[in-house]
Amino acid sequence: MPIDLNADIPEGLSRRDFLAGLALNALISNPSFGPEAQTMADTARLAVAWAEVLLDALE
């Protein structure tokens, strides 16, 4: 199932925390972060999510 980064974020959860959860879930379910991903688009979305989380953490 594709990951929807524009999905409704549960009330009380920041976008950063939501994206961090998605990225963590992706790493747990697919540690190689590569060919086992459902689609290349999913892998790209996860990479973007990780980038956002990491950039936020550096601020």
PDB file of N, CA and C in Angstrom:
ATOM      1  N   MET A   1       0.847  -1.177   0.000  1.00  0.00           N
ATOM      2  CA  MET A   1       0.000   0.000   0.000  1.00  0.00           C
ATOM      3  C   MET A   1       0.890   1.236   0.000  1.00  0.00           C
ATOM      4  N   PRO A   2       0.680   2.170  -0.920  1.00  0.00           N
ATOM      5  CA  PRO A   2       1.493   3.390  -0.966  1.00  0.00           C
ATOM      6  C   PRO A   2       1.325   4.236   0.296  1.00  0.00           C
ATOM      7  N   ILE A   3       2.346   4.960   0.609  1.00  0.00           N
ATOM      8  CA  ILE A   3       2.316   5.841   1.770  1.00  0.00           C
ATOM      9  C   ILE A   3       1.818   7.207   1.335  1.00  0.00           C
ATOM     10  N   ASP A   4       0.852   7.730   2.060  1.00  0.00           N
ATOM     11  CA  ASP A   4       0.276   9.034   1.745  1.00  0.00           C
ATOM     12  C   ASP A   4       0.794  10.062   2.740  1.00  0.00           C
ATOM     13  N   LEU A   5       1.798  10.847   2.313  1.00  0.00           N
ATOM     14  CA  LEU A   5       2.358  11.860   3.199  1.00  0.00           C
ATOM     15  C   LEU A   5       1.416  13.042   3.389  1.00  0.00           C
ATOM     16  N   ASN A   6       0.341  13.090   2.623  1.00  0.00           N
ATOM     17  CA  ASN A   6      -0.638  14.159   2.780  1.00  0.00           C
ATOM     18  C   ASN A   6      -1.860  13.684   3.554  1.00  0.00           C
ATOM     19  N   ALA A   7      -1.762  12.510   4.159  1.00  0.00           N
ATOM     20  CA  ALA A   7      -2.880  11.986   4.940  1.00  0.00           C
ATOM     21  C   ALA A   7      -3.154  12.911   6.128  1.00  0.00           C
ATOM     22  N   ASP A   8      -4.357  12.811   6.644  1.00  0.00           N
ATOM     23  CA  ASP A   8      -4.696  13.601   7.820  1.00  0.00           C
ATOM     24  C   ASP A   8      -3.813  13.175   8.986  1.00  0.00           C
ATOM     25  N   ILE A   9      -3.192  14.149   9.606  1.00  0.00           N
ATOM     26  CA  ILE A   9      -2.343  13.879  10.757  1.00  0.00           C
ATOM     27  C   ILE A   9      -3.244  13.831  11.990  1.00  0.00           C
ATOM     28  N   PRO A  10      -3.120  12.783  12.796  1.00  0.00           N
ATOM     29  CA  PRO A  10      -3.970  12.683  13.989  1.00  0.00           C
ATOM     30  C   PRO A  10      -3.830  13.911  14.882  1.00  0.00           C
ATOM     31  N   GLU A  11      -4.927  14.316  15.482  1.00  0.00           N
ATOM     32  CA  GLU A  11      -4.939  15.488  16.352  1.00  0.00           C
ATOM     33  C   GLU A  11      -3.921  15.308  17.476  1.00  0.00           C
ATOM     34  N   GLY A  12      -3.179  16.369  17.753  1.00  0.00           N
ATOM     35  CA  GLY A  12      -2.190  16.345  18.815  1.00  0.00           C
ATOM     36  C   GLY A  12      -0.816  15.860  18.376  1.00  0.00           C
ATOM     37  N   LEU A  13      -0.689  15.483  17.109  1.00  0.00           N
ATOM     38  CA  LEU A  13       0.578  14.988  16.596  1.00  0.00           C
ATOM     39  C   LEU A  13       1.118  15.990  15.579  1.00  0.00           C
ATOM     40  N   SER A  14       2.376  16.377  15.754  1.00  0.00           N
ATOM     41  CA  SER A  14       2.969  17.327  14.811  1.00  0.00           C
ATOM     42  C   SER A  14       3.296  16.615  13.495  1.00  0.00           C
ATOM     43  N   ARG A  15       3.430  17.409  12.432  1.00  0.00           N
ATOM     44  CA  ARG A  15       3.807  16.840  11.129  1.00  0.00           C
ATOM     45  C   ARG A  15       5.158  16.133  11.239  1.00  0.00           C
ATOM     46  N   ARG A  16       6.069  16.731  11.977  1.00  0.00           N
ATOM     47  CA  ARG A  16       7.398  16.141  12.149  1.00  0.00           C
ATOM     48  C   ARG A  16       7.290  14.774  12.819  1.00  0.00           C
ATOM     49  N   ASP A  17       6.519  14.682  13.886  1.00  0.00           N
ATOM     50  CA  ASP A  17       6.364  13.404  14.577  1.00  0.00           C
ATOM     51  C   ASP A  17       5.664  12.373  13.698  1.00  0.00           C
ATOM     52  N   PHE A  18       4.687  12.831  12.935  1.00  0.00           N
ATOM     53  CA  PHE A  18       3.980  11.939  12.012  1.00  0.00           C
ATOM     54  C   PHE A  18       4.951  11.371  10.976  1.00  0.00           C
ATOM     55  N   LEU A  19       5.759  12.253  10.389  1.00  0.00           N
ATOM     56  CA  LEU A  19       6.734  11.805   9.386  1.00  0.00           C
ATOM     57  C   LEU A  19       7.805  10.911  10.005  1.00  0.00           C
ATOM     58  N   ALA A  20       8.200  11.228  11.219  1.00  0.00           N
ATOM     59  CA  ALA A  20       9.186  10.388  11.902  1.00  0.00           C
ATOM     60  C   ALA A  20       8.626   8.989  12.115  1.00  0.00           C
ATOM     61  N   GLY A  21       7.360   8.914  12.472  1.00  0.00           N
ATOM     62  CA  GLY A  21       6.720   7.611  12.642  1.00  0.00           C
ATOM     63  C   GLY A  21       6.676   6.824  11.342  1.00  0.00           C
ATOM     64  N   LEU A  22       6.341   7.504  10.252  1.00  0.00           N
ATOM     65  CA  LEU A  22       6.334   6.830   8.948  1.00  0.00           C
ATOM     66  C   LEU A  22       7.724   6.310   8.590  1.00  0.00           C
ATOM     67  N   ALA A  23       8.722   7.158   8.804  1.00  0.00           N
ATOM     68  CA  ALA A  23      10.088   6.763   8.455  1.00  0.00           C
ATOM     69  C   ALA A  23      10.550   5.597   9.330  1.00  0.00           C
ATOM     70  N   LEU A  24      10.245   5.665  10.625  1.00  0.00           N
ATOM     71  CA  LEU A  24      10.631   4.579  11.513  1.00  0.00           C
ATOM     72  C   LEU A  24       9.933   3.286  11.120  1.00  0.00           C
ATOM     73  N   ASN A  25       8.656   3.370  10.826  1.00  0.00           N
ATOM     74  CA  ASN A  25       7.907   2.194  10.387  1.00  0.00           C
ATOM     75  C   ASN A  25       8.521   1.606   9.113  1.00  0.00           C
ATOM     76  N   ALA A  26       8.905   2.473   8.204  1.00  0.00           N
ATOM     77  CA  ALA A  26       9.507   1.999   6.954  1.00  0.00           C
ATOM     78  C   ALA A  26      10.818   1.281   7.212  1.00  0.00           C
ATOM     79  N   LEU A  27      11.616   1.820   8.119  1.00  0.00           N
ATOM     80  CA  LEU A  27      12.897   1.179   8.408  1.00  0.00           C
ATOM     81  C   LEU A  27      12.716  -0.150   9.120  1.00  0.00           C
ATOM     82  N   ILE A  28      11.718  -0.223   9.996  1.00  0.00           N
ATOM     83  CA  ILE A  28      11.464  -1.482  10.704  1.00  0.00           C
ATOM     84  C   ILE A  28      10.990  -2.550   9.724  1.00  0.00           C
ATOM     85  N   SER A  29      10.096  -2.160   8.826  1.00  0.00           N
ATOM     86  CA  SER A  29       9.530  -3.143   7.908  1.00  0.00           C
ATOM     87  C   SER A  29      10.412  -3.398   6.689  1.00  0.00           C
ATOM     88  N   ASN A  30      11.350  -2.506   6.410  1.00  0.00           N
ATOM     89  CA  ASN A  30      12.192  -2.644   5.224  1.00  0.00           C
ATOM     90  C   ASN A  30      13.558  -2.024   5.503  1.00  0.00           C
ATOM     91  N   PRO A  31      14.394  -2.703   6.308  1.00  0.00           N
ATOM     92  CA  PRO A  31      15.663  -2.100   6.706  1.00  0.00           C
ATOM     93  C   PRO A  31      16.592  -1.764   5.547  1.00  0.00           C
ATOM     94  N   SER A  32      16.450  -2.430   4.415  1.00  0.00           N
ATOM     95  CA  SER A  32      17.344  -2.133   3.295  1.00  0.00           C
ATOM     96  C   SER A  32      16.959  -0.826   2.607  1.00  0.00           C
ATOM     97  N   PHE A  33      15.716  -0.379   2.819  1.00  0.00           N
ATOM     98  CA  PHE A  33      15.251   0.887   2.250  1.00  0.00           C
ATOM     99  C   PHE A  33      15.470   0.903   0.748  1.00  0.00           C
ATOM    100  N   GLY A  34      15.359  -0.250   0.118  1.00  0.00           N
ATOM    101  CA  GLY A  34      15.688  -0.334  -1.288  1.00  0.00           C
ATOM    102  C   GLY A  34      14.715  -1.158  -2.103  1.00  0.00           C
ATOM    103  N   PRO A  35      15.207  -2.181  -2.784  1.00  0.00           N
ATOM    104  CA  PRO A  35      14.408  -2.886  -3.783  1.00  0.00           C
ATOM    105  C   PRO A  35      13.130  -3.531  -3.247  1.00  0.00           C
ATOM    106  N   GLU A  36      13.066  -3.802  -1.945  1.00  0.00           N
ATOM    107  CA  GLU A  36      11.860  -4.409  -1.402  1.00  0.00           C
ATOM    108  C   GLU A  36      10.724  -3.408  -1.235  1.00  0.00           C
ATOM    109  N   ALA A  37      11.012  -2.129  -1.383  1.00  0.00           N
ATOM    110  CA  ALA A  37       9.954  -1.122  -1.288  1.00  0.00           C
ATOM    111  C   ALA A  37       8.910  -1.411  -2.361  1.00  0.00           C
ATOM    112  N   GLN A  38       7.684  -1.075  -2.048  1.00  0.00           N
ATOM    113  CA  GLN A  38       6.598  -1.384  -2.981  1.00  0.00           C
ATOM    114  C   GLN A  38       6.817  -0.707  -4.326  1.00  0.00           C
ATOM    115  N   THR A  39       7.200   0.525  -4.309  1.00  0.00           N
ATOM    116  CA  THR A  39       7.461   1.241  -5.560  1.00  0.00           C
ATOM    117  C   THR A  39       8.621   2.208  -5.342  1.00  0.00           C
ATOM    118  N   MET A  40       9.194   2.650  -6.431  1.00  0.00           N
ATOM    119  CA  MET A  40      10.242   3.664  -6.327  1.00  0.00           C
ATOM    120  C   MET A  40       9.680   4.954  -5.750  1.00  0.00           C
ATOM    121  N   ALA A  41       8.410   5.243  -6.038  1.00  0.00           N
ATOM    122  CA  ALA A  41       7.788   6.449  -5.495  1.00  0.00           C
ATOM    123  C   ALA A  41       7.703   6.366  -3.977  1.00  0.00           C
ATOM    124  N   ASP A  42       7.384   5.188  -3.440  1.00  0.00           N
ATOM    125  CA  ASP A  42       7.353   5.019  -1.983  1.00  0.00           C
ATOM    126  C   ASP A  42       8.730   5.282  -1.389  1.00  0.00           C
ATOM    127  N   THR A  43       9.754   4.732  -2.031  1.00  0.00           N
ATOM    128  CA  THR A  43      11.110   4.938  -1.537  1.00  0.00           C
ATOM    129  C   THR A  43      11.474   6.416  -1.563  1.00  0.00           C
ATOM    130  N   ALA A  44      11.096   7.109  -2.622  1.00  0.00           N
ATOM    131  CA  ALA A  44      11.382   8.545  -2.716  1.00  0.00           C
ATOM    132  C   ALA A  44      10.632   9.323  -1.642  1.00  0.00           C
ATOM    133  N   ARG A  45       9.367   8.974  -1.423  1.00  0.00           N
ATOM    134  CA  ARG A  45       8.587   9.663  -0.382  1.00  0.00           C
ATOM    135  C   ARG A  45       9.205   9.455   0.993  1.00  0.00           C
ATOM    136  N   LEU A  46       9.664   8.238   1.255  1.00  0.00           N
ATOM    137  CA  LEU A  46      10.288   7.965   2.541  1.00  0.00           C
ATOM    138  C   LEU A  46      11.597   8.733   2.698  1.00  0.00           C
ATOM    139  N   ALA A  47      12.348   8.840   1.626  1.00  0.00           N
ATOM    140  CA  ALA A  47      13.592   9.606   1.679  1.00  0.00           C
ATOM    141  C   ALA A  47      13.301  11.071   1.979  1.00  0.00           C
ATOM    142  N   VAL A  48      12.252  11.609   1.371  1.00  0.00           N
ATOM    143  CA  VAL A  48      11.862  12.996   1.640  1.00  0.00           C
ATOM    144  C   VAL A  48      11.429  13.141   3.093  1.00  0.00           C
ATOM    145  N   ALA A  49      10.672  12.183   3.575  1.00  0.00           N
ATOM    146  CA  ALA A  49      10.226  12.226   4.974  1.00  0.00           C
ATOM    147  C   ALA A  49      11.424  12.229   5.919  1.00  0.00           C
ATOM    148  N   TRP A  50      12.394  11.360   5.653  1.00  0.00           N
ATOM    149  CA  TRP A  50      13.585  11.336   6.489  1.00  0.00           C
ATOM    150  C   TRP A  50      14.321  12.667   6.432  1.00  0.00           C
ATOM    151  N   ALA A  51      14.426  13.221   5.247  1.00  0.00           N
ATOM    152  CA  ALA A  51      15.111  14.510   5.106  1.00  0.00           C
ATOM    153  C   ALA A  51      14.424  15.585   5.938  1.00  0.00           C
ATOM    154  N   GLU A  52      13.098  15.635   5.896  1.00  0.00           N
ATOM    155  CA  GLU A  52      12.372  16.631   6.692  1.00  0.00           C
ATOM    156  C   GLU A  52      12.623  16.435   8.175  1.00  0.00           C
ATOM    157  N   VAL A  53      12.563  15.212   8.629  1.00  0.00           N
ATOM    158  CA  VAL A  53      12.776  14.935  10.051  1.00  0.00           C
ATOM    159  C   VAL A  53      14.182  15.334  10.467  1.00  0.00           C
ATOM    160  N   LEU A  54      15.154  14.947   9.659  1.00  0.00           N
ATOM    161  CA  LEU A  54      16.535  15.270  10.010  1.00  0.00           C
ATOM    162  C   LEU A  54      16.804  16.773   9.972  1.00  0.00           C
ATOM    163  N   LEU A  55      16.250  17.455   8.985  1.00  0.00           N
ATOM    164  CA  LEU A  55      16.436  18.910   8.923  1.00  0.00           C
ATOM    165  C   LEU A  55      15.783  19.596  10.113  1.00  0.00           C
ATOM    166  N   ASP A  56      14.602  19.145  10.488  1.00  0.00           N
ATOM    167  CA  ASP A  56      13.934  19.710  11.669  1.00  0.00           C
ATOM    168  C   ASP A  56      14.761  19.475  12.924  1.00  0.00           C
ATOM    169  N   ALA A  57      15.350  18.304  13.029  1.00  0.00           N
ATOM    170  CA  ALA A  57      16.145  17.983  14.210  1.00  0.00           C
ATOM    171  C   ALA A  57      17.386  18.863  14.305  1.00  0.00           C
ATOM    172  N   LEU A  58      17.893  19.289  13.162  1.00  0.00           N
ATOM    173  CA  LEU A  58      19.086  20.138  13.158  1.00  0.00           C
ATOM    174  C   LEU A  58      18.793  21.598  13.468  1.00  0.00           C
ATOM    175  N   GLU A  59      17.522  21.970  13.385  1.00  0.00           N
ATOM    176  CA  GLU A  59      17.182  23.383  13.633  1.00  0.00           C
ATOM    177  C   GLU A  59      17.247  23.728  15.093  1.00  0.00           C
TER     178      GLU A  59
END
